[in-house]
């Protein structure tokens, strides 16, 4: 959301690419990944500089979640056009908005993880994406990049 305000339309695809990459990293480690759409921004709000780009970005988030098997928490749909769920700046949620977000995530977590636990099954494993592989100690290689090269080559070595 911050990049949208500063870079506008130029931030949409890089944001989606970064999200896609992070989902792949989580999935290759066997994690159940939860991602959310952005809540709407109140048109005319002081910080709502990219209200018109949010629906476009959210469409991409929905496509990535479906393609990668991530659990989608659709905050855009939950907020709808109830701008009382946004703070005065038109960008950040109000206390009531944060409550809606918490309920949406809790519902998704329960529906996904508690259902799997009750049935004795596990959430689905990572997809058989040919661009995804694991090697030694769970290190991820995604689209030819190792996890040590992601995020500017920083690693957590001891």
C-alpha atoms as a PDB file:
ATOM      1  CA  UNK A   1       0.000   0.000   0.000  1.00  0.00           C
ATOM      2  CA  UNK A   2       2.835   2.386   0.796  1.00  0.00           C
ATOM      3  CA  UNK A   3       4.455   1.831  -2.600  1.00  0.00           C
ATOM      4  CA  UNK A   4       1.178   2.564  -4.361  1.00  0.00           C
ATOM      5  CA  UNK A   5       1.063   5.996  -2.764  1.00  0.00           C
ATOM      6  CA  UNK A   6       4.598   6.861  -3.806  1.00  0.00           C
ATOM      7  CA  UNK A   7       4.968   5.097  -7.146  1.00  0.00           C
ATOM      8  CA  UNK A   8       1.408   4.780  -8.376  1.00  0.00           C
ATOM      9  CA  UNK A   9       0.675   2.262 -11.144  1.00  0.00           C
ATOM     10  CA  UNK A  10       4.398   1.428 -11.442  1.00  0.00           C
ATOM     11  CA  UNK A  11       4.222  -0.250  -8.021  1.00  0.00           C
ATOM     12  CA  UNK A  12       1.434  -2.713  -8.838  1.00  0.00           C
ATOM     13  CA  UNK A  13       3.364  -5.407 -10.718  1.00  0.00           C
ATOM     14  CA  UNK A  14       6.489  -5.315  -8.517  1.00  0.00           C
ATOM     15  CA  UNK A  15       4.224  -5.570  -5.457  1.00  0.00           C
ATOM     16  CA  UNK A  16       2.426  -8.572  -6.934  1.00  0.00           C
ATOM     17  CA  UNK A  17       5.739 -10.188  -7.920  1.00  0.00           C
ATOM     18  CA  UNK A  18       7.101  -9.758  -4.378  1.00  0.00           C
ATOM     19  CA  UNK A  19       3.917 -11.176  -2.858  1.00  0.00           C
ATOM     20  CA  UNK A  20       3.993 -14.132  -5.242  1.00  0.00           C
ATOM     21  CA  UNK A  21       7.611 -14.830  -4.305  1.00  0.00           C
ATOM     22  CA  UNK A  22       6.907 -14.654  -0.561  1.00  0.00           C
ATOM     23  CA  UNK A  23       3.964 -17.043  -0.934  1.00  0.00           C
ATOM     24  CA  UNK A  24       6.182 -19.490  -2.782  1.00  0.00           C
ATOM     25  CA  UNK A  25       8.805 -19.295  -0.036  1.00  0.00           C
ATOM     26  CA  UNK A  26       6.184 -20.055   2.590  1.00  0.00           C
ATOM     27  CA  UNK A  27       4.565 -22.863   0.641  1.00  0.00           C
ATOM     28  CA  UNK A  28       7.864 -24.593  -0.146  1.00  0.00           C
ATOM     29  CA  UNK A  29       8.514 -24.682   3.604  1.00  0.00           C
ATOM     30  CA  UNK A  30       5.155 -26.407   4.069  1.00  0.00           C
ATOM     31  CA  UNK A  31       3.404 -23.399   5.596  1.00  0.00           C
ATOM     32  CA  UNK A  32      -0.237 -22.620   5.135  1.00  0.00           C
ATOM     33  CA  UNK A  33      -0.029 -19.104   3.730  1.00  0.00           C
ATOM     34  CA  UNK A  34      -2.739 -16.539   4.442  1.00  0.00           C
ATOM     35  CA  UNK A  35      -2.805 -13.370   2.358  1.00  0.00           C
ATOM     36  CA  UNK A  36      -5.253 -10.505   2.312  1.00  0.00           C
ATOM     37  CA  UNK A  37      -6.525  -8.027  -0.156  1.00  0.00           C
ATOM     38  CA  UNK A  38      -6.059  -4.399   0.791  1.00  0.00           C
ATOM     39  CA  UNK A  39      -9.028  -2.627   2.312  1.00  0.00           C
ATOM     40  CA  UNK A  40     -10.422   0.148   0.158  1.00  0.00           C
ATOM     41  CA  UNK A  41      -9.228   3.708   0.627  1.00  0.00           C
ATOM     42  CA  UNK A  42     -11.633   6.553   1.189  1.00  0.00           C
ATOM     43  CA  UNK A  43     -11.564   8.743  -1.919  1.00  0.00           C
ATOM     44  CA  UNK A  44     -10.435  12.213  -0.935  1.00  0.00           C
ATOM     45  CA  UNK A  45      -8.746  11.061   2.292  1.00  0.00           C
ATOM     46  CA  UNK A  46      -5.453  12.824   3.019  1.00  0.00           C
ATOM     47  CA  UNK A  47      -3.455   9.559   2.799  1.00  0.00           C
ATOM     48  CA  UNK A  48      -5.701   7.845   0.232  1.00  0.00           C
ATOM     49  CA  UNK A  49      -3.422   8.701  -2.670  1.00  0.00           C
ATOM     50  CA  UNK A  50      -4.033   5.452  -4.540  1.00  0.00           C
ATOM     51  CA  UNK A  51      -7.698   4.628  -3.983  1.00  0.00           C
ATOM     52  CA  UNK A  52      -8.141   3.955  -7.701  1.00  0.00           C
ATOM     53  CA  UNK A  53      -5.258   1.411  -7.758  1.00  0.00           C
ATOM     54  CA  UNK A  54      -6.434  -0.743  -4.844  1.00  0.00           C
ATOM     55  CA  UNK A  55      -9.036  -2.716  -6.855  1.00  0.00           C
ATOM     56  CA  UNK A  56      -6.446  -3.439  -9.571  1.00  0.00           C
ATOM     57  CA  UNK A  57      -3.871  -4.636  -7.027  1.00  0.00           C
ATOM     58  CA  UNK A  58      -6.517  -6.717  -5.244  1.00  0.00           C
ATOM     59  CA  UNK A  59      -7.481  -8.487  -8.474  1.00  0.00           C
ATOM     60  CA  UNK A  60      -3.842  -9.542  -8.802  1.00  0.00           C
ATOM     61  CA  UNK A  61      -3.722 -10.680  -5.169  1.00  0.00           C
ATOM     62  CA  UNK A  62      -6.796 -12.853  -5.728  1.00  0.00           C
ATOM     63  CA  UNK A  63      -5.250 -14.427  -8.854  1.00  0.00           C
ATOM     64  CA  UNK A  64      -1.975 -15.179  -7.044  1.00  0.00           C
ATOM     65  CA  UNK A  65      -3.764 -16.693  -4.034  1.00  0.00           C
ATOM     66  CA  UNK A  66      -5.747 -19.006  -6.306  1.00  0.00           C
ATOM     67  CA  UNK A  67      -2.716 -19.971  -8.387  1.00  0.00           C
ATOM     68  CA  UNK A  68      -0.425 -20.609  -5.411  1.00  0.00           C
ATOM     69  CA  UNK A  69      -2.912 -22.227  -3.044  1.00  0.00           C
ATOM     70  CA  UNK A  70      -2.753 -19.458  -0.464  1.00  0.00           C
ATOM     71  CA  UNK A  71      -5.746 -18.788   1.763  1.00  0.00           C
ATOM     72  CA  UNK A  72      -7.302 -15.492   0.741  1.00  0.00           C
ATOM     73  CA  UNK A  73      -8.688 -13.144   3.369  1.00  0.00           C
ATOM     74  CA  UNK A  74     -10.728 -10.687   1.338  1.00  0.00           C
ATOM     75  CA  UNK A  75     -10.574  -7.468   3.340  1.00  0.00           C
ATOM     76  CA  UNK A  76     -11.735  -5.428   0.372  1.00  0.00           C
ATOM     77  CA  UNK A  77     -14.994  -7.382   0.324  1.00  0.00           C
ATOM     78  CA  UNK A  78     -15.317  -7.282   4.132  1.00  0.00           C
ATOM     79  CA  UNK A  79     -14.921  -3.496   4.236  1.00  0.00           C
ATOM     80  CA  UNK A  80     -17.035  -2.888   1.150  1.00  0.00           C
ATOM     81  CA  UNK A  81     -17.803   0.807   0.971  1.00  0.00           C
ATOM     82  CA  UNK A  82     -18.200   1.245   4.730  1.00  0.00           C
ATOM     83  CA  UNK A  83     -15.745   4.104   5.065  1.00  0.00           C
ATOM     84  CA  UNK A  84     -16.447   4.324   8.806  1.00  0.00           C
ATOM     85  CA  UNK A  85     -14.041   1.364   9.007  1.00  0.00           C
ATOM     86  CA  UNK A  86     -11.234   3.723   7.921  1.00  0.00           C
ATOM     87  CA  UNK A  87      -9.525   6.349  10.042  1.00  0.00           C
ATOM     88  CA  UNK A  88      -9.629  10.039   9.290  1.00  0.00           C
ATOM     89  CA  UNK A  89      -6.697   9.778   6.869  1.00  0.00           C
ATOM     90  CA  UNK A  90      -8.729   7.566   4.517  1.00  0.00           C
ATOM     91  CA  UNK A  91      -5.993   4.911   4.377  1.00  0.00           C
ATOM     92  CA  UNK A  92      -5.571   3.213   7.740  1.00  0.00           C
ATOM     93  CA  UNK A  93      -8.312   1.211   9.433  1.00  0.00           C
ATOM     94  CA  UNK A  94     -10.209   2.683  12.343  1.00  0.00           C
ATOM     95  CA  UNK A  95     -10.529   0.634  15.552  1.00  0.00           C
ATOM     96  CA  UNK A  96     -13.718  -0.857  14.089  1.00  0.00           C
ATOM     97  CA  UNK A  97     -11.828  -1.613  10.874  1.00  0.00           C
ATOM     98  CA  UNK A  98      -9.115  -3.456  12.778  1.00  0.00           C
ATOM     99  CA  UNK A  99     -11.840  -5.469  14.488  1.00  0.00           C
ATOM    100  CA  UNK A 100     -13.252  -6.451  11.082  1.00  0.00           C
ATOM    101  CA  UNK A 101      -9.762  -7.457   9.952  1.00  0.00           C
ATOM    102  CA  UNK A 102      -9.231  -9.588  13.056  1.00  0.00           C
ATOM    103  CA  UNK A 103     -12.583 -11.340  12.606  1.00  0.00           C
ATOM    104  CA  UNK A 104     -11.834 -12.031   8.934  1.00  0.00           C
ATOM    105  CA  UNK A 105      -8.413 -13.528   9.694  1.00  0.00           C
ATOM    106  CA  UNK A 106      -9.739 -15.537  12.634  1.00  0.00           C
ATOM    107  CA  UNK A 107     -12.528 -16.927  10.449  1.00  0.00           C
ATOM    108  CA  UNK A 108     -10.067 -17.910   7.730  1.00  0.00           C
ATOM    109  CA  UNK A 109      -7.692 -19.495  10.237  1.00  0.00           C
ATOM    110  CA  UNK A 110     -10.477 -21.480  11.864  1.00  0.00           C
ATOM    111  CA  UNK A 111     -11.982 -22.547   8.547  1.00  0.00           C
ATOM    112  CA  UNK A 112      -8.615 -23.690   7.246  1.00  0.00           C
ATOM    113  CA  UNK A 113      -6.688 -25.039  10.202  1.00  0.00           C
ATOM    114  CA  UNK A 114      -9.388 -26.192  12.592  1.00  0.00           C
ATOM    115  CA  UNK A 115     -11.266 -27.969   9.820  1.00  0.00           C
ATOM    116  CA  UNK A 116      -8.077 -29.749   8.792  1.00  0.00           C
ATOM    117  CA  UNK A 117      -7.303 -30.717  12.399  1.00  0.00           C
ATOM    118  CA  UNK A 118     -10.836 -31.975  13.052  1.00  0.00           C
ATOM    119  CA  UNK A 119     -10.800 -34.150   9.951  1.00  0.00           C
ATOM    120  CA  UNK A 120      -7.316 -35.471  10.729  1.00  0.00           C
ATOM    121  CA  UNK A 121      -5.944 -34.036   7.511  1.00  0.00           C
ATOM    122  CA  UNK A 122      -3.276 -31.450   6.942  1.00  0.00           C
ATOM    123  CA  UNK A 123      -3.629 -28.347   4.805  1.00  0.00           C
ATOM    124  CA  UNK A 124      -2.663 -29.049   1.188  1.00  0.00           C
ATOM    125  CA  UNK A 125       1.051 -29.338   0.477  1.00  0.00           C
ATOM    126  CA  UNK A 126       2.819 -26.860  -1.775  1.00  0.00           C
ATOM    127  CA  UNK A 127       1.791 -27.121  -5.390  1.00  0.00           C
ATOM    128  CA  UNK A 128       3.956 -28.987  -7.846  1.00  0.00           C
ATOM    129  CA  UNK A 129       5.092 -25.712  -9.369  1.00  0.00           C
ATOM    130  CA  UNK A 130       8.061 -26.455 -11.618  1.00  0.00           C
ATOM    131  CA  UNK A 131       9.654 -23.154 -10.641  1.00  0.00           C
ATOM    132  CA  UNK A 132       9.805 -24.236  -7.010  1.00  0.00           C
ATOM    133  CA  UNK A 133      12.209 -26.675  -5.430  1.00  0.00           C
ATOM    134  CA  UNK A 134      13.747 -27.404  -2.078  1.00  0.00           C
ATOM    135  CA  UNK A 135      17.257 -28.412  -1.284  1.00  0.00           C
ATOM    136  CA  UNK A 136      19.129 -29.139   1.930  1.00  0.00           C
ATOM    137  CA  UNK A 137      17.724 -27.995   5.263  1.00  0.00           C
ATOM    138  CA  UNK A 138      14.610 -26.675   3.581  1.00  0.00           C
ATOM    139  CA  UNK A 139      16.338 -23.883   1.680  1.00  0.00           C
ATOM    140  CA  UNK A 140      14.053 -22.635  -1.051  1.00  0.00           C
ATOM    141  CA  UNK A 141      14.860 -22.004  -4.644  1.00  0.00           C
ATOM    142  CA  UNK A 142      12.186 -20.105  -6.464  1.00  0.00           C
ATOM    143  CA  UNK A 143      12.396 -19.253 -10.124  1.00  0.00           C
ATOM    144  CA  UNK A 144      16.152 -19.726 -10.083  1.00  0.00           C
ATOM    145  CA  UNK A 145      16.778 -17.537  -7.009  1.00  0.00           C
ATOM    146  CA  UNK A 146      17.810 -19.019  -3.700  1.00  0.00           C
ATOM    147  CA  UNK A 147      16.313 -17.681  -0.514  1.00  0.00           C
ATOM    148  CA  UNK A 148      19.689 -16.169   0.379  1.00  0.00           C
ATOM    149  CA  UNK A 149      19.513 -13.983  -2.717  1.00  0.00           C
ATOM    150  CA  UNK A 150      15.990 -12.830  -2.057  1.00  0.00           C
ATOM    151  CA  UNK A 151      15.591  -9.456  -0.434  1.00  0.00           C
ATOM    152  CA  UNK A 152      18.933  -8.056  -1.555  1.00  0.00           C
ATOM    153  CA  UNK A 153      21.136 -11.041  -0.739  1.00  0.00           C
ATOM    154  CA  UNK A 154      20.841 -10.740   3.039  1.00  0.00           C
ATOM    155  CA  UNK A 155      20.976 -13.988   4.960  1.00  0.00           C
ATOM    156  CA  UNK A 156      20.504 -14.994   8.551  1.00  0.00           C
ATOM    157  CA  UNK A 157      23.804 -16.793   9.019  1.00  0.00           C
ATOM    158  CA  UNK A 158      25.128 -17.527  12.479  1.00  0.00           C
END
